[in-house]
Amino acid sequence: MSGWNKKLEGLELNTEEQIHSLEFATSQEAWEKLNEGFLRLEPSLFAKGATANSGVAVVYNVFIKIRKAWVDPDFDYGRCFNYKETKWTSLLNNYIDFNKLDLLRSKLRVLKTKYNQNYNVTYMFNNHHDNGKQCLIAATFSKRFGEDIPVITMVIRASEITKRLIFDFLLIQRMAEYVYGPEQSVQINLFATQMYGNVETLLMYHTHKPLKKVLKGTDKENPWIKRLNEVFDKFQNGKEKDFSSFKVFFRSFKVLRPDLYKETYKSMKAKELLLEYEDIEYPENVISYSQRKAYKKKLLKQKKNGNQRSPSSETVRDSK
């Protein structure tokens, strides 16, 4: 789209180093408030240590405390971002090594039985994709003296805050449920070297809350607000051929134009996106999400047919 990453005349922001310290009740609230803060160019984010131009807004050095890891179970990734289940599977296959996660869970269970329950145990995220950007770096599982609520501290290289951040929030919530059980409340601390939102991607938030409502009370003459409305109008009045050449723009166009694509939307709610919690003893080389699904499917089929032997890992090790 024309105007990408050009200076917005009249918009002056201070990029001098600053730590942005924020606190939210839940992961869902954090995602909502961050997106609305980016769309509105809120001073709490953009007064210092941030920048914006015609194509993107960026905030550097962000620390977020989330008192409870919780994404709305009915949040619909399919409607909001036109995601399919393969997107979730791909995220898990890329970042989760279940052998490492099982070892971490076992270690924390042992620590729980000891008198001194203060601990800090780190899970380093995998990055299997050849073109992976290693956005997720590490998650440290902590228990602090005198505190009943475990804390998971995530370190992120960079985070696209609209369609990716809410996916990462769900991932860490599911990891917490896998390790501690679904009934244990968990606090999240997140540090990102930068958070950013492309104009076209930020506008997808409109599917969750109308843009007009989000921008209510802002200065319509502000160069950033004018740019948002300009691009939004292009989406609302444009044709498919105007956007189909660029994948990210086309995704935004599709979710913002239900008049054209409503029939293509497939529901994919947070409550449907899970890790496998069953207490199954998997072979050591069955480590990815897809491999474990394939192994479990074969195991259940064998049990149904009266065969009590575990399936050979050779039959599932190549599953992607």
Protein backbone atom coordinates (compact mmCIF):
# COMPACT_ATOMS: atom_id res chain seq x y z
CA MET A 1 0.00 0.00 0.00
CA SER A 2 1.39 3.41 -0.93
CA GLY A 3 2.89 5.55 1.81
CA TRP A 4 4.55 2.65 3.59
CA ASN A 5 6.96 3.80 6.35
CA LYS A 6 7.07 7.43 5.27
CA LYS A 7 7.35 10.23 7.79
CA LEU A 8 4.01 11.68 8.83
CA GLU A 9 4.30 15.44 8.58
CA GLY A 10 3.37 17.12 11.84
CA LEU A 11 3.89 13.99 13.97
CA GLU A 12 6.84 14.38 16.34
CA LEU A 13 7.70 11.55 18.75
CA ASN A 14 10.58 11.14 21.22
CA THR A 15 12.56 7.91 20.67
CA GLU A 16 14.82 8.49 23.69
CA GLU A 17 15.30 5.30 25.75
CA GLN A 18 12.49 4.52 28.19
CA ILE A 19 11.07 1.48 30.00
CA HIS A 20 7.30 1.21 29.58
CA SER A 21 5.90 -0.52 32.67
CA LEU A 22 2.26 -1.61 32.40
CA GLU A 23 -0.11 -3.76 34.44
CA PHE A 24 -3.36 -5.49 33.46
CA ALA A 25 -5.83 -7.84 35.11
CA THR A 26 -5.81 -10.50 32.36
CA SER A 27 -4.11 -11.39 29.08
CA GLN A 28 -7.30 -10.44 27.27
CA GLU A 29 -7.34 -6.97 28.84
CA ALA A 30 -3.64 -6.50 28.05
CA TRP A 31 -4.24 -7.27 24.37
CA GLU A 32 -7.24 -4.95 24.18
CA LYS A 33 -5.63 -2.02 25.98
CA LEU A 34 -2.38 -2.32 23.99
CA ASN A 35 -4.18 -2.36 20.65
CA GLU A 36 -6.36 0.58 21.60
CA GLY A 37 -3.30 2.40 22.93
CA PHE A 38 -1.50 1.92 19.62
CA LEU A 39 -4.52 2.97 17.59
CA ARG A 40 -5.01 6.09 19.72
CA LEU A 41 -1.26 6.75 20.08
CA GLU A 42 -1.73 6.96 23.85
CA PRO A 43 0.90 9.03 25.73
CA SER A 44 1.49 6.18 28.21
CA LEU A 45 3.06 4.32 25.29
CA PHE A 46 4.16 7.00 22.82
CA ALA A 47 5.25 10.01 24.91
CA LYS A 48 8.81 8.67 24.96
CA GLY A 49 10.71 5.64 23.69
CA ALA A 50 8.43 5.08 20.70
CA THR A 51 7.91 6.08 17.08
CA ALA A 52 5.30 5.97 14.33
CA ASN A 53 5.14 6.68 10.61
CA SER A 54 2.73 6.10 7.74
CA GLY A 55 3.13 2.32 7.93
CA VAL A 56 3.87 1.26 11.51
CA ALA A 57 3.89 2.26 15.17
CA VAL A 58 6.63 0.92 17.46
CA VAL A 59 7.12 1.01 21.23
CA TYR A 60 10.49 -0.06 22.65
CA ASN A 61 11.34 -1.77 25.95
CA VAL A 62 7.94 -2.89 27.20
CA PHE A 63 7.43 -4.65 30.55
CA ILE A 64 3.95 -5.97 31.27
CA LYS A 65 2.56 -7.55 34.43
CA ILE A 66 -0.59 -9.62 33.87
CA ARG A 67 -2.18 -10.70 37.13
CA LYS A 68 -3.95 -13.70 35.60
CA ALA A 69 -3.17 -15.61 32.41
CA TRP A 70 -6.60 -15.65 30.78
CA VAL A 71 -7.78 -15.29 27.20
CA ASP A 72 -11.56 -15.18 26.67
CA PRO A 73 -12.52 -18.79 25.77
CA ASP A 74 -14.91 -17.43 23.13
CA PHE A 75 -12.33 -15.20 21.46
CA ASP A 76 -12.60 -16.14 17.78
CA TYR A 77 -9.26 -16.19 15.97
CA GLY A 78 -11.01 -17.36 12.83
CA ARG A 79 -13.31 -14.36 12.60
CA CYS A 80 -10.84 -11.74 13.79
CA PHE A 81 -7.82 -12.84 11.72
CA ASN A 82 -9.12 -15.46 9.27
CA TYR A 83 -6.90 -18.04 10.96
CA LYS A 84 -7.31 -21.79 10.48
CA GLU A 85 -6.43 -24.55 12.97
CA THR A 86 -3.19 -25.17 11.06
CA LYS A 87 -1.97 -21.79 12.35
CA TRP A 88 -2.19 -23.04 15.94
CA THR A 89 -0.59 -26.36 15.02
CA SER A 90 2.24 -24.53 13.26
CA LEU A 91 2.85 -22.33 16.32
CA LEU A 92 3.09 -25.37 18.60
CA ASN A 93 5.28 -27.34 16.20
CA ASN A 94 7.65 -24.40 15.90
CA TYR A 95 8.04 -23.44 19.54
CA ILE A 96 7.16 -26.43 21.76
CA ASP A 97 9.42 -29.39 22.43
CA PHE A 98 7.17 -31.58 24.57
CA ASN A 99 10.10 -33.60 25.96
CA LYS A 100 11.57 -30.40 27.38
CA LEU A 101 8.16 -29.31 28.66
CA ASP A 102 7.57 -32.72 30.29
CA LEU A 103 10.96 -32.52 32.02
CA LEU A 104 10.15 -29.04 33.28
CA ARG A 105 6.78 -30.21 34.58
CA SER A 106 8.39 -33.17 36.37
CA LYS A 107 11.04 -30.94 37.92
CA LEU A 108 8.44 -28.50 39.24
CA ARG A 109 6.38 -31.36 40.70
CA VAL A 110 9.45 -32.51 42.64
CA LEU A 111 10.18 -28.98 43.82
CA LYS A 112 6.60 -28.66 45.00
CA THR A 113 7.16 -31.45 47.54
CA LYS A 114 10.16 -29.75 49.11
CA TYR A 115 10.14 -27.38 52.05
CA ASN A 116 11.83 -24.60 50.07
CA GLN A 117 9.50 -24.01 47.14
CA ASN A 118 11.27 -20.93 45.81
CA TYR A 119 12.44 -21.70 42.27
CA ASN A 120 13.18 -20.25 38.83
CA VAL A 121 13.21 -22.79 35.99
CA THR A 122 13.58 -21.64 32.38
CA TYR A 123 12.08 -23.13 29.23
CA MET A 124 13.91 -22.05 26.06
CA PHE A 125 11.56 -21.90 23.09
CA ASN A 126 12.37 -23.96 20.02
CA ASN A 127 12.49 -22.38 16.57
CA HIS A 128 12.13 -25.12 13.96
CA HIS A 129 11.04 -23.06 10.96
CA ASP A 130 13.86 -22.23 8.54
CA ASN A 131 12.41 -18.74 8.18
CA GLY A 132 11.51 -18.43 11.85
CA LYS A 133 12.25 -15.10 13.49
CA GLN A 134 12.67 -16.44 17.04
CA CYS A 135 10.16 -13.94 18.41
CA LEU A 136 9.65 -16.04 21.55
CA ILE A 137 12.94 -16.55 23.39
CA ALA A 138 12.27 -17.96 26.85
CA ALA A 139 9.71 -18.50 29.60
CA THR A 140 10.90 -18.75 33.22
CA PHE A 141 8.56 -20.55 35.61
CA SER A 142 8.95 -19.10 39.11
CA LYS A 143 7.62 -19.61 42.61
CA ARG A 144 8.45 -16.87 45.09
CA PHE A 145 8.73 -16.90 48.88
CA GLY A 146 5.38 -16.33 50.53
CA GLU A 147 3.48 -16.24 47.22
CA ASP A 148 0.80 -18.77 46.24
CA ILE A 149 0.58 -17.74 42.58
CA PRO A 150 3.35 -18.95 40.24
CA VAL A 151 4.86 -16.38 37.87
CA ILE A 152 5.86 -17.05 34.27
CA THR A 153 8.26 -14.46 32.87
CA MET A 154 8.34 -14.35 29.07
CA VAL A 155 11.17 -12.75 27.13
CA ILE A 156 10.18 -11.75 23.59
CA ARG A 157 12.43 -10.37 20.86
CA ALA A 158 9.57 -8.52 19.18
CA SER A 159 5.79 -8.73 19.17
CA GLU A 160 3.24 -7.78 16.54
CA ILE A 161 0.44 -6.78 18.88
CA THR A 162 -2.78 -7.48 16.99
CA LYS A 163 -2.90 -10.97 15.53
CA ARG A 164 0.30 -12.44 17.03
CA LEU A 165 0.32 -11.22 20.66
CA ILE A 166 -3.08 -12.72 21.51
CA PHE A 167 -1.84 -16.04 20.05
CA ASP A 168 1.31 -15.90 22.21
CA PHE A 169 -0.80 -15.10 25.28
CA LEU A 170 -2.90 -18.20 24.64
CA LEU A 171 0.23 -20.31 24.10
CA ILE A 172 1.75 -19.37 27.45
CA GLN A 173 -1.61 -19.93 29.16
CA ARG A 174 -1.82 -23.43 27.71
CA MET A 175 1.78 -24.11 28.75
CA ALA A 176 0.90 -23.03 32.30
CA GLU A 177 -2.13 -25.35 32.29
CA TYR A 178 0.06 -28.20 31.00
CA VAL A 179 2.64 -27.68 33.75
CA TYR A 180 0.51 -26.68 36.74
CA GLY A 181 -2.95 -27.97 35.82
CA PRO A 182 -5.92 -25.97 34.45
CA GLU A 183 -7.14 -24.90 37.90
CA GLN A 184 -3.95 -23.09 38.95
CA SER A 185 -4.02 -19.32 38.48
CA VAL A 186 -0.77 -17.96 37.02
CA GLN A 187 0.73 -14.46 36.73
CA ILE A 188 2.55 -13.46 33.55
CA ASN A 189 5.44 -11.01 33.38
CA LEU A 190 6.40 -10.16 29.82
CA PHE A 191 9.37 -8.21 28.53
CA ALA A 192 9.57 -7.28 24.85
CA THR A 193 12.41 -5.33 23.29
CA GLN A 194 9.83 -3.88 20.96
CA MET A 195 6.12 -4.08 20.24
CA TYR A 196 4.80 -2.92 16.92
CA GLY A 197 1.66 -2.66 14.86
CA ASN A 198 1.43 -2.21 11.10
CA VAL A 199 -1.39 0.13 10.15
CA GLU A 200 -3.19 -2.53 8.07
CA THR A 201 -2.87 -5.17 10.79
CA LEU A 202 -3.91 -2.84 13.63
CA LEU A 203 -7.12 -2.15 11.72
CA MET A 204 -8.10 -5.82 12.16
CA TYR A 205 -8.96 -4.82 15.74
CA HIS A 206 -12.09 -3.32 14.20
CA THR A 207 -13.53 -6.87 14.08
CA HIS A 208 -13.29 -6.96 17.89
CA LYS A 209 -14.30 -3.36 18.61
CA PRO A 210 -15.41 -0.79 16.01
CA LEU A 211 -12.67 1.62 15.00
CA LYS A 212 -14.99 4.59 15.40
CA LYS A 213 -15.58 3.66 19.02
CA VAL A 214 -11.86 3.14 19.69
CA LEU A 215 -10.92 6.52 18.20
CA LYS A 216 -13.71 8.44 19.91
CA GLY A 217 -12.34 11.64 21.46
CA THR A 218 -9.08 11.66 19.50
CA ASP A 219 -7.94 14.60 17.36
CA LYS A 220 -9.11 13.87 13.80
CA GLU A 221 -6.38 16.16 12.47
CA ASN A 222 -3.61 14.19 14.15
CA PRO A 223 -1.45 12.78 11.28
CA TRP A 224 -1.56 9.23 12.71
CA ILE A 225 -5.35 9.26 13.16
CA LYS A 226 -5.77 10.66 9.65
CA ARG A 227 -3.57 7.86 8.29
CA LEU A 228 -5.61 5.18 10.08
CA ASN A 229 -8.87 6.53 8.71
CA GLU A 230 -7.38 6.87 5.22
CA VAL A 231 -6.29 3.22 5.10
CA PHE A 232 -9.52 2.03 6.72
CA ASP A 233 -11.53 3.85 4.03
CA LYS A 234 -9.43 2.16 1.34
CA PHE A 235 -10.29 -1.22 2.79
CA GLN A 236 -13.98 -0.38 3.04
CA ASN A 237 -14.25 0.95 -0.51
CA GLY A 238 -11.56 -1.05 -2.32
CA LYS A 239 -11.72 -4.14 -4.50
CA GLU A 240 -9.99 -7.49 -4.10
CA LYS A 241 -7.52 -6.80 -6.90
CA ASP A 242 -6.23 -3.77 -4.99
CA PHE A 243 -4.94 -5.93 -2.12
CA SER A 244 -4.50 -9.51 -3.34
CA SER A 245 -0.82 -9.03 -4.28
CA PHE A 246 0.22 -8.51 -0.65
CA LYS A 247 -0.59 -11.31 1.80
CA VAL A 248 -0.78 -9.19 4.96
CA PHE A 249 -2.94 -6.54 3.28
CA PHE A 250 -5.21 -9.16 1.75
CA ARG A 251 -5.77 -10.84 5.13
CA SER A 252 -6.80 -7.49 6.60
CA PHE A 253 -9.04 -6.76 3.61
CA LYS A 254 -10.81 -10.11 3.99
CA VAL A 255 -11.56 -9.76 7.70
CA LEU A 256 -12.69 -6.14 7.28
CA ARG A 257 -15.08 -6.92 4.44
CA PRO A 258 -17.70 -9.40 5.67
CA ASP A 259 -19.91 -8.17 2.83
CA LEU A 260 -17.55 -10.01 0.46
CA TYR A 261 -16.05 -12.83 2.54
CA LYS A 262 -18.49 -13.72 5.32
CA GLU A 263 -18.99 -17.20 3.87
CA THR A 264 -15.25 -17.91 4.13
CA TYR A 265 -14.98 -17.19 7.86
CA LYS A 266 -14.44 -20.33 9.93
CA SER A 267 -14.84 -20.12 13.69
CA MET A 268 -11.72 -20.99 15.70
CA LYS A 269 -12.25 -20.10 19.34
CA ALA A 270 -9.64 -20.04 22.09
CA LYS A 271 -11.40 -22.81 24.02
CA GLU A 272 -10.83 -25.17 21.07
CA LEU A 273 -7.06 -24.56 20.95
CA LEU A 274 -5.42 -26.82 23.51
CA LEU A 275 -2.31 -28.78 24.30
CA GLU A 276 -2.68 -32.51 24.90
CA TYR A 277 -3.08 -33.03 28.66
CA GLU A 278 -3.62 -36.83 28.72
CA ASP A 279 -1.15 -38.77 30.86
CA ILE A 280 0.35 -40.79 28.01
CA GLU A 281 3.94 -42.01 28.05
CA TYR A 282 5.31 -40.85 24.72
CA PRO A 283 8.58 -42.11 23.16
CA GLU A 284 11.49 -39.68 23.49
CA ASN A 285 11.56 -38.91 19.76
CA VAL A 286 7.87 -38.01 19.62
CA ILE A 287 8.29 -34.38 20.65
CA SER A 288 6.24 -32.05 18.44
CA TYR A 289 2.54 -31.33 18.71
CA SER A 290 1.76 -33.00 15.37
CA GLN A 291 3.81 -36.07 16.24
CA ARG A 292 2.02 -36.48 19.55
CA LYS A 293 -1.39 -36.12 17.92
CA ALA A 294 -0.46 -38.80 15.39
CA TYR A 295 0.91 -41.10 18.11
CA LYS A 296 -2.18 -40.66 20.28
CA LYS A 297 -4.49 -41.32 17.32
CA LYS A 298 -2.67 -44.55 16.48
CA LEU A 299 -2.61 -45.59 20.15
CA LEU A 300 -6.37 -45.11 20.55
CA LYS A 301 -6.98 -47.00 17.31
CA GLN A 302 -4.89 -49.94 18.51
CA LYS A 303 -6.66 -50.03 21.88
CA LYS A 304 -10.02 -49.95 20.12
CA ASN A 305 -8.91 -52.97 18.05
CA GLY A 306 -7.78 -54.81 21.18
CA ASN A 307 -4.03 -54.34 20.63
CA GLN A 308 -2.42 -53.21 23.91
CA ARG A 309 1.04 -52.60 22.44
CA SER A 310 2.15 -49.00 22.06
CA PRO A 311 2.56 -47.89 18.44
CA SER A 312 6.08 -47.62 17.11
CA SER A 313 7.45 -44.09 17.19
CA GLU A 314 8.85 -44.79 13.75
CA THR A 315 5.37 -44.44 12.32
CA VAL A 316 4.89 -40.92 13.62
CA ARG A 317 8.34 -39.38 13.89
CA ASP A 318 8.07 -37.74 10.50
CA SER A 319 4.69 -36.11 11.21
CA LYS A 320 4.78 -32.35 10.84
